[in-house]
């Protein structure tokens, strides 16, 4: 019988103890897998949604709230700003592009965003059906919106006041679907896009049918900016914050700050996972140490049959290896399951979209860690096995 098969049988000779060790190891590795997956998924989601946006300009308030509401669409906006002030930024030589946006309504929990066609072009998301809006009260749906609400080309719907489902419906002003975007994994998947004039028409009955996107009396919620030169980052945000009624927030700075705050919480989870792994290592050590004592007769027989000491040590280490491999497989499965559950709940709340399954390169550390813990716990029992004397074992019989 070869070493692998014999070690497997030895492992399951005490099934309850083996299962306990396996569960402890899998829970620790599953927690670490989950944290690695969430970190990777969040980084990927933020990278997709923040790509190419150098600055967000809106009403004064919390800079992080401005980023969450204007770029990721996870929060309520800080207020409105004059359209004229936003248009003045377009004439600034440091600014390459300004994309105005108006928020305030939703449909089925998905946000209605009044903007320009440049917003779609910025993310380079193609149309799966139809075309972009060309007149007020025409809407283009993100892929998730169309799927969840069951709306197709030509369908009509009314938005609800507020950025969450359940607000008062604007039944007098109905949108007509003229396009559906292809699934892209970006924030556009969960948005309803329309012209700025559509938002004004809905909220200002006096201007219905005569909304003018160039009317200086209008307001918008915020604007996304791209720099013409990297040097603009040194002077433009400060200039906006000190000389206008608006505030400027850098997505890179604010998201880094948010991730740092989240990191304080993940440190606790990392510590919890480390405790689980330490407990698993101690449990494996105790189990293997007890197994060595119980198998002294078997070990003596193997030695009498000609097995060298290193072969006996290899048998014990292989048993630990089996445990590590099983723990790694279960830990990866648990971590992926936890991440899938999180992605499902976020999708139900129309929040960040996380991939169904992901295999970042950092997950390679999970089996390495599993084998390190199990083999490390087996070193001392293996050393004891190596030092056993056949004569002493026989005398015990």
Protein backbone atom coordinates (compact mmCIF):
# COMPACT_ATOMS: atom_id res chain seq x y z
CA UNK A 1 0.00 0.00 0.00
CA UNK A 2 1.50 3.37 -1.00
CA UNK A 3 2.03 6.28 1.33
CA UNK A 4 -0.81 8.44 -0.05
CA UNK A 5 -3.44 5.75 0.38
CA UNK A 6 -2.25 4.70 3.80
CA UNK A 7 -2.14 8.32 5.00
CA UNK A 8 -5.71 8.81 3.71
CA UNK A 9 -6.93 5.81 5.68
CA UNK A 10 -5.09 6.93 8.78
CA UNK A 11 -6.70 10.39 8.45
CA UNK A 12 -10.22 8.97 8.45
CA UNK A 13 -9.54 6.31 11.06
CA UNK A 14 -10.91 8.89 13.52
CA UNK A 15 -13.63 10.57 11.39
CA UNK A 16 -15.02 12.87 14.09
CA UNK A 17 -11.61 14.33 14.91
CA UNK A 18 -10.75 14.66 11.22
CA UNK A 19 -14.01 16.49 10.50
CA UNK A 20 -13.46 18.86 13.43
CA UNK A 21 -9.96 19.72 12.22
CA UNK A 22 -11.23 20.12 8.69
CA UNK A 23 -14.07 22.44 9.72
CA UNK A 24 -11.78 24.67 11.81
CA UNK A 25 -9.25 24.89 9.00
CA UNK A 26 -11.92 25.52 6.35
CA UNK A 27 -13.59 28.29 8.38
CA UNK A 28 -10.32 30.16 8.79
CA UNK A 29 -9.36 29.73 5.14
CA UNK A 30 -12.91 30.58 4.02
CA UNK A 31 -12.80 33.85 5.95
CA UNK A 32 -9.49 34.78 4.37
CA UNK A 33 -10.77 33.78 0.91
CA UNK A 34 -13.86 35.95 1.40
CA UNK A 35 -11.78 38.97 2.43
CA UNK A 36 -9.43 38.53 -0.54
CA UNK A 37 -12.36 38.22 -2.94
CA UNK A 38 -14.20 41.26 -1.57
CA UNK A 39 -11.04 43.37 -1.72
CA UNK A 40 -10.44 42.29 -5.32
CA UNK A 41 -14.06 42.81 -6.34
CA UNK A 42 -14.28 46.26 -4.76
CA UNK A 43 -11.01 47.34 -6.36
CA UNK A 44 -12.26 46.12 -9.75
CA UNK A 45 -15.67 47.81 -9.35
CA UNK A 46 -14.16 51.12 -8.28
CA UNK A 47 -11.59 50.95 -11.07
CA UNK A 48 -14.32 50.42 -13.66
CA UNK A 49 -16.64 53.14 -12.34
CA UNK A 50 -13.99 55.75 -11.54
CA UNK A 51 -11.95 55.26 -14.71
CA UNK A 52 -11.13 58.55 -16.40
CA UNK A 53 -13.03 60.76 -13.92
CA UNK A 54 -10.57 63.25 -12.45
CA UNK A 55 -12.93 65.46 -10.45
CA UNK A 56 -16.55 65.62 -9.31
CA UNK A 57 -18.11 69.04 -8.77
CA UNK A 58 -21.34 69.59 -6.84
CA UNK A 59 -22.96 71.34 -3.90
CA UNK A 60 -20.85 71.94 -0.82
CA UNK A 61 -20.99 69.23 1.81
CA UNK A 62 -19.28 65.89 2.27
CA UNK A 63 -16.74 65.17 -0.50
CA UNK A 64 -17.16 61.42 -0.01
CA UNK A 65 -20.93 61.74 -0.27
CA UNK A 66 -20.46 63.62 -3.53
CA UNK A 67 -18.38 60.78 -4.96
CA UNK A 68 -20.72 58.05 -3.71
CA UNK A 69 -23.78 59.81 -5.13
CA UNK A 70 -22.35 61.15 -8.38
CA UNK A 71 -20.03 58.38 -9.53
CA UNK A 72 -21.05 55.17 -7.77
CA UNK A 73 -24.71 56.16 -7.20
CA UNK A 74 -24.73 54.68 -3.71
CA UNK A 75 -25.80 57.75 -1.73
CA UNK A 76 -28.03 60.80 -1.95
CA UNK A 77 -26.47 63.93 -3.49
CA UNK A 78 -25.41 66.93 -1.45
CA UNK A 79 -27.77 69.29 -3.31
CA UNK A 80 -27.95 71.20 -6.58
CA UNK A 81 -25.67 73.75 -8.21
CA UNK A 82 -26.37 76.35 -10.93
CA UNK A 83 -26.01 75.09 -14.46
CA UNK A 84 -24.27 78.36 -15.37
CA UNK A 85 -21.50 77.64 -12.85
CA UNK A 86 -20.99 74.18 -14.34
CA UNK A 87 -20.93 75.57 -17.88
CA UNK A 88 -18.31 78.09 -16.82
CA UNK A 89 -16.01 75.20 -15.98
CA UNK A 90 -16.19 74.01 -19.57
CA UNK A 91 -14.53 77.28 -20.61
CA UNK A 92 -11.68 76.76 -18.17
CA UNK A 93 -8.46 75.96 -20.10
CA UNK A 94 -7.56 73.31 -17.51
CA UNK A 95 -10.73 71.30 -18.17
CA UNK A 96 -11.01 68.89 -21.10
CA UNK A 97 -14.59 67.74 -20.57
CA UNK A 98 -17.59 68.43 -18.33
CA UNK A 99 -20.44 65.94 -18.05
CA UNK A 100 -23.42 67.47 -16.19
CA UNK A 101 -25.82 65.21 -14.30
CA UNK A 102 -29.21 65.70 -12.65
CA UNK A 103 -30.51 63.22 -10.09
CA UNK A 104 -33.68 63.04 -8.06
CA UNK A 105 -35.98 60.33 -9.41
CA UNK A 106 -35.99 56.56 -9.66
CA UNK A 107 -37.98 53.74 -11.20
CA UNK A 108 -38.26 50.38 -9.49
CA UNK A 109 -35.41 51.39 -7.21
CA UNK A 110 -33.10 52.23 -10.12
CA UNK A 111 -31.95 55.83 -10.47
CA UNK A 112 -33.02 58.11 -13.31
CA UNK A 113 -30.04 60.22 -14.40
CA UNK A 114 -30.36 63.24 -16.65
CA UNK A 115 -27.11 63.76 -18.51
CA UNK A 116 -25.53 64.06 -21.95
CA UNK A 117 -24.50 61.39 -24.43
CA UNK A 118 -20.91 61.98 -23.31
CA UNK A 119 -21.70 60.01 -20.15
CA UNK A 120 -22.36 56.85 -22.16
CA UNK A 121 -19.37 57.50 -24.40
CA UNK A 122 -17.12 57.94 -21.36
CA UNK A 123 -17.67 54.32 -20.30
CA UNK A 124 -17.65 53.10 -23.92
CA UNK A 125 -20.75 50.99 -23.39
CA UNK A 126 -22.42 49.99 -26.67
CA UNK A 127 -26.15 49.76 -27.24
CA UNK A 128 -27.64 46.28 -27.27
CA UNK A 129 -30.90 47.60 -28.75
CA UNK A 130 -32.27 50.87 -30.09
CA UNK A 131 -30.50 54.21 -29.93
CA UNK A 132 -29.62 57.02 -27.54
CA UNK A 133 -32.20 59.63 -26.64
CA UNK A 134 -32.72 62.46 -29.10
CA UNK A 135 -35.57 64.34 -27.40
CA UNK A 136 -36.90 64.93 -23.88
CA UNK A 137 -38.75 62.06 -22.12
CA UNK A 138 -36.81 59.42 -24.01
CA UNK A 139 -34.85 56.97 -21.87
CA UNK A 140 -32.02 54.48 -22.29
CA UNK A 141 -31.95 51.61 -19.82
CA UNK A 142 -28.93 49.89 -18.32
CA UNK A 143 -28.76 46.11 -18.81
CA UNK A 144 -29.73 45.29 -15.21
CA UNK A 145 -32.64 47.75 -15.29
CA UNK A 146 -34.11 46.28 -18.46
CA UNK A 147 -33.77 42.74 -17.14
CA UNK A 148 -35.14 43.35 -13.66
CA UNK A 149 -38.04 45.59 -14.72
CA UNK A 150 -38.87 43.69 -17.90
CA UNK A 151 -38.95 46.83 -20.05
CA UNK A 152 -38.25 46.71 -23.77
CA UNK A 153 -38.06 49.19 -26.62
CA UNK A 154 -41.16 51.35 -26.82
CA UNK A 155 -42.23 50.64 -23.24
CA UNK A 156 -43.39 53.60 -21.17
CA UNK A 157 -42.92 54.20 -17.47
CA UNK A 158 -43.20 56.99 -14.90
CA UNK A 159 -40.44 57.86 -12.50
CA UNK A 160 -40.93 58.18 -8.75
CA UNK A 161 -39.74 61.08 -6.66
CA UNK A 162 -36.67 60.26 -4.63
CA UNK A 163 -33.72 57.95 -5.17
CA UNK A 164 -35.31 54.86 -3.63
CA UNK A 165 -38.38 52.88 -4.58
CA UNK A 166 -41.67 53.96 -3.05
CA UNK A 167 -41.71 57.69 -3.77
CA UNK A 168 -44.62 59.57 -5.32
CA UNK A 169 -44.96 58.76 -9.01
CA UNK A 170 -44.76 61.46 -11.68
CA UNK A 171 -47.63 59.87 -13.57
CA UNK A 172 -48.22 62.95 -15.74
CA UNK A 173 -44.78 62.66 -17.31
CA UNK A 174 -43.95 59.25 -18.77
CA UNK A 175 -40.66 58.17 -20.29
CA UNK A 176 -40.42 56.06 -23.42
CA UNK A 177 -37.64 53.50 -23.79
CA UNK A 178 -35.64 54.11 -26.97
CA UNK A 179 -32.50 52.14 -26.16
CA UNK A 180 -31.02 49.41 -23.95
CA UNK A 181 -27.32 49.31 -23.14
CA UNK A 182 -25.25 46.15 -23.34
CA UNK A 183 -24.13 44.63 -20.05
CA UNK A 184 -20.77 46.14 -19.11
CA UNK A 185 -20.23 45.57 -15.40
CA UNK A 186 -20.10 49.35 -14.90
CA UNK A 187 -22.41 51.63 -12.98
CA UNK A 188 -24.41 52.21 -16.18
CA UNK A 189 -25.90 48.72 -15.87
CA UNK A 190 -28.13 49.91 -13.01
CA UNK A 191 -29.10 53.39 -14.29
CA UNK A 192 -31.89 54.87 -16.37
CA UNK A 193 -30.36 57.55 -18.60
CA UNK A 194 -32.17 60.43 -20.20
CA UNK A 195 -31.69 64.04 -21.31
CA UNK A 196 -31.23 66.81 -18.75
CA UNK A 197 -34.32 68.47 -20.19
CA UNK A 198 -36.37 65.41 -19.22
CA UNK A 199 -35.53 65.84 -15.54
CA UNK A 200 -36.37 69.53 -15.69
CA UNK A 201 -39.65 68.80 -17.49
CA UNK A 202 -40.70 66.34 -14.79
CA UNK A 203 -39.85 68.61 -11.86
CA UNK A 204 -40.85 71.95 -13.30
CA UNK A 205 -44.37 71.70 -14.64
CA UNK A 206 -44.27 75.33 -15.71
CA UNK A 207 -41.49 74.50 -18.16
CA UNK A 208 -42.88 71.18 -19.41
CA UNK A 209 -42.35 70.86 -23.13
CA UNK A 210 -40.15 73.96 -23.20
CA UNK A 211 -37.17 72.89 -21.13
CA UNK A 212 -33.99 74.54 -22.37
CA UNK A 213 -30.72 72.86 -21.49
CA UNK A 214 -28.92 76.16 -21.93
CA UNK A 215 -31.16 78.15 -19.59
CA UNK A 216 -28.86 79.78 -17.02
CA UNK A 217 -31.61 79.62 -14.39
CA UNK A 218 -31.54 75.83 -14.33
CA UNK A 219 -29.79 73.68 -11.75
CA UNK A 220 -27.97 70.38 -12.04
CA UNK A 221 -26.92 68.01 -9.29
CA UNK A 222 -23.24 67.67 -10.16
CA UNK A 223 -20.72 67.37 -12.96
CA UNK A 224 -17.94 64.95 -13.82
CA UNK A 225 -14.69 66.54 -15.02
CA UNK A 226 -11.66 65.38 -16.95
CA UNK A 227 -8.44 67.38 -16.78
CA UNK A 228 -6.79 68.67 -19.89
CA UNK A 229 -3.42 68.35 -18.19
CA UNK A 230 -2.27 66.55 -15.00
CA UNK A 231 -1.12 69.93 -13.67
CA UNK A 232 -4.79 70.86 -13.24
CA UNK A 233 -4.96 68.61 -10.17
CA UNK A 234 -2.73 71.06 -8.31
CA UNK A 235 -4.82 74.18 -8.77
CA UNK A 236 -8.31 73.50 -10.12
CA UNK A 237 -9.89 71.79 -7.05
CA UNK A 238 -8.69 74.56 -4.73
CA UNK A 239 -9.88 77.23 -7.14
CA UNK A 240 -13.37 75.70 -7.34
CA UNK A 241 -13.62 75.27 -3.57
CA UNK A 242 -12.58 78.83 -2.78
CA UNK A 243 -14.02 80.94 -5.60
CA UNK A 244 -17.34 79.26 -6.47
CA UNK A 245 -20.49 78.09 -4.68
CA UNK A 246 -19.49 74.50 -5.53
CA UNK A 247 -17.11 71.98 -4.04
CA UNK A 248 -14.67 69.77 -5.91
CA UNK A 249 -13.89 66.22 -4.81
CA UNK A 250 -11.26 63.88 -6.20
CA UNK A 251 -12.60 60.31 -6.65
CA UNK A 252 -9.16 58.78 -6.15
CA UNK A 253 -8.58 60.62 -2.86
CA UNK A 254 -12.04 60.01 -1.40
CA UNK A 255 -12.25 56.34 -2.34
CA UNK A 256 -8.79 55.75 -0.90
CA UNK A 257 -9.96 57.39 2.31
CA UNK A 258 -13.10 55.25 2.36
CA UNK A 259 -11.13 52.05 1.78
CA UNK A 260 -8.83 53.04 4.64
CA UNK A 261 -11.85 53.36 6.92
CA UNK A 262 -13.16 50.02 5.73
CA UNK A 263 -9.72 48.57 6.33
CA UNK A 264 -10.11 49.15 10.05
CA UNK A 265 -13.07 46.79 10.01
CA UNK A 266 -11.39 44.20 7.81
CA UNK A 267 -8.44 44.14 10.21
CA UNK A 268 -10.80 42.73 12.82
CA UNK A 269 -11.97 40.07 10.35
CA UNK A 270 -8.37 39.23 9.49
CA UNK A 271 -7.62 38.82 13.19
CA UNK A 272 -10.66 36.57 13.60
CA UNK A 273 -9.53 34.43 10.65
CA UNK A 274 -6.02 34.23 12.13
CA UNK A 275 -7.47 33.00 15.45
CA UNK A 276 -9.43 30.32 13.60
CA UNK A 277 -6.30 29.21 11.76
CA UNK A 278 -4.30 29.14 14.99
CA UNK A 279 -7.02 27.07 16.63
CA UNK A 280 -7.01 24.73 13.63
CA UNK A 281 -3.22 24.39 13.83
CA UNK A 282 -3.39 23.49 17.53
CA UNK A 283 -6.17 21.02 16.86
CA UNK A 284 -4.20 19.37 14.06
CA UNK A 285 -1.14 19.20 16.30
CA UNK A 286 -3.06 17.54 19.14
CA UNK A 287 -4.74 15.11 16.75
CA UNK A 288 -1.47 14.06 15.10
CA UNK A 289 0.35 13.82 18.44
CA UNK A 290 -2.43 11.60 19.80
CA UNK A 291 -2.42 9.56 16.59
CA UNK A 292 1.30 8.89 16.92
CA UNK A 293 0.82 7.59 20.45
CA UNK A 294 -2.09 5.37 19.41
CA UNK A 295 -0.25 3.95 16.40
CA UNK A 296 2.97 3.01 18.11
CA UNK A 297 2.31 -0.68 17.45
CA UNK A 298 1.60 0.00 13.78
CA UNK A 299 4.73 2.10 13.51
CA UNK A 300 6.82 -0.66 15.11
CA UNK A 301 5.42 -3.18 12.63
CA UNK A 302 6.24 -0.88 9.69
CA UNK A 303 9.77 -0.46 10.97
CA UNK A 304 10.18 -4.24 11.37
CA UNK A 305 9.03 -4.69 7.79
CA UNK A 306 11.90 -2.50 6.67
CA UNK A 307 10.37 0.97 6.49
CA UNK A 308 13.11 3.56 7.20
CA UNK A 309 12.43 6.42 9.67
CA UNK A 310 11.97 8.96 6.89
CA UNK A 311 9.21 6.81 5.41
CA UNK A 312 7.30 6.91 8.70
CA UNK A 313 7.79 10.68 8.88
CA UNK A 314 6.57 10.99 5.28
CA UNK A 315 3.45 9.03 6.24
CA UNK A 316 2.60 11.47 9.01
CA UNK A 317 3.36 14.54 6.90
CA UNK A 318 1.24 13.13 4.05
CA UNK A 319 -1.67 12.79 6.46
CA UNK A 320 -1.25 16.46 7.34
CA UNK A 321 -0.95 17.22 3.62
CA UNK A 322 -4.29 15.56 2.92
CA UNK A 323 -5.87 17.64 5.65
CA UNK A 324 -4.37 20.84 4.23
CA UNK A 325 -5.53 20.10 0.69
CA UNK A 326 -9.07 19.28 1.82
CA UNK A 327 -9.12 22.38 4.03
CA UNK A 328 -7.94 24.56 1.14
CA UNK A 329 -10.62 23.20 -1.21
CA UNK A 330 -13.39 23.68 1.36
CA UNK A 331 -12.05 27.10 2.37
CA UNK A 332 -12.04 28.31 -1.24
CA UNK A 333 -15.56 26.96 -1.74
CA UNK A 334 -16.81 28.64 1.44
CA UNK A 335 -15.18 31.95 0.54
CA UNK A 336 -16.67 31.91 -2.95
CA UNK A 337 -20.06 31.04 -1.47
CA UNK A 338 -19.89 33.96 0.96
CA UNK A 339 -18.86 36.30 -1.88
CA UNK A 340 -21.71 35.04 -4.08
CA UNK A 341 -24.18 35.70 -1.27
CA UNK A 342 -22.82 39.22 -0.82
CA UNK A 343 -23.05 39.89 -4.57
CA UNK A 344 -26.65 38.65 -4.56
CA UNK A 345 -27.68 40.92 -1.68
CA UNK A 346 -25.95 43.92 -3.25
CA UNK A 347 -27.73 43.26 -6.53
CA UNK A 348 -31.08 43.09 -4.74
CA UNK A 349 -30.36 46.55 -3.27
CA UNK A 350 -29.22 47.87 -6.69
CA UNK A 351 -25.79 48.61 -5.23
CA UNK A 352 -22.32 47.73 -6.49
CA UNK A 353 -22.28 44.89 -8.98
CA UNK A 354 -19.81 42.15 -8.04
CA UNK A 355 -18.82 39.36 -10.39
CA UNK A 356 -20.46 35.97 -9.85
CA UNK A 357 -17.13 34.17 -9.52
CA UNK A 358 -13.63 35.57 -9.44
CA UNK A 359 -10.22 33.96 -9.14
CA UNK A 360 -7.68 36.70 -8.43
CA UNK A 361 -4.05 35.64 -8.20
CA UNK A 362 -4.07 36.44 -4.48
CA UNK A 363 -6.19 33.32 -3.90
CA UNK A 364 -3.06 31.26 -4.60
CA UNK A 365 -2.02 32.09 -1.04
CA UNK A 366 -4.98 30.15 0.38
CA UNK A 367 -3.67 26.63 -0.41
CA UNK A 368 -0.15 27.76 0.46
CA UNK A 369 -1.42 28.92 3.85
CA UNK A 370 -3.44 25.73 4.32
CA UNK A 371 -0.44 23.51 3.64
CA UNK A 372 1.78 25.68 5.80
CA UNK A 373 -0.59 25.45 8.78
CA UNK A 374 -1.16 21.70 8.50
CA UNK A 375 2.46 20.75 7.80
CA UNK A 376 3.71 23.16 10.47
CA UNK A 377 1.44 21.52 13.03
CA UNK A 378 2.80 18.12 12.00
CA UNK A 379 6.49 18.95 12.40
CA UNK A 380 6.81 18.21 16.12
CA UNK A 381 4.86 14.91 15.97
CA UNK A 382 6.94 13.97 12.91
CA UNK A 383 10.14 14.68 14.82
CA UNK A 384 8.90 12.42 17.61
CA UNK A 385 8.18 9.66 15.09
CA UNK A 386 11.65 9.98 13.58
CA UNK A 387 13.29 9.51 16.98
CA UNK A 388 11.30 6.41 17.91
CA UNK A 389 13.39 3.30 18.44
CA UNK A 390 12.06 -0.04 17.20
CA UNK A 391 13.43 -1.90 20.24
CA UNK A 392 11.68 0.48 22.61
CA UNK A 393 8.42 0.08 20.70
CA UNK A 394 8.67 -3.72 20.86
CA UNK A 395 9.45 -3.68 24.58
CA UNK A 396 6.26 -1.70 25.14
CA UNK A 397 4.35 -4.62 23.59
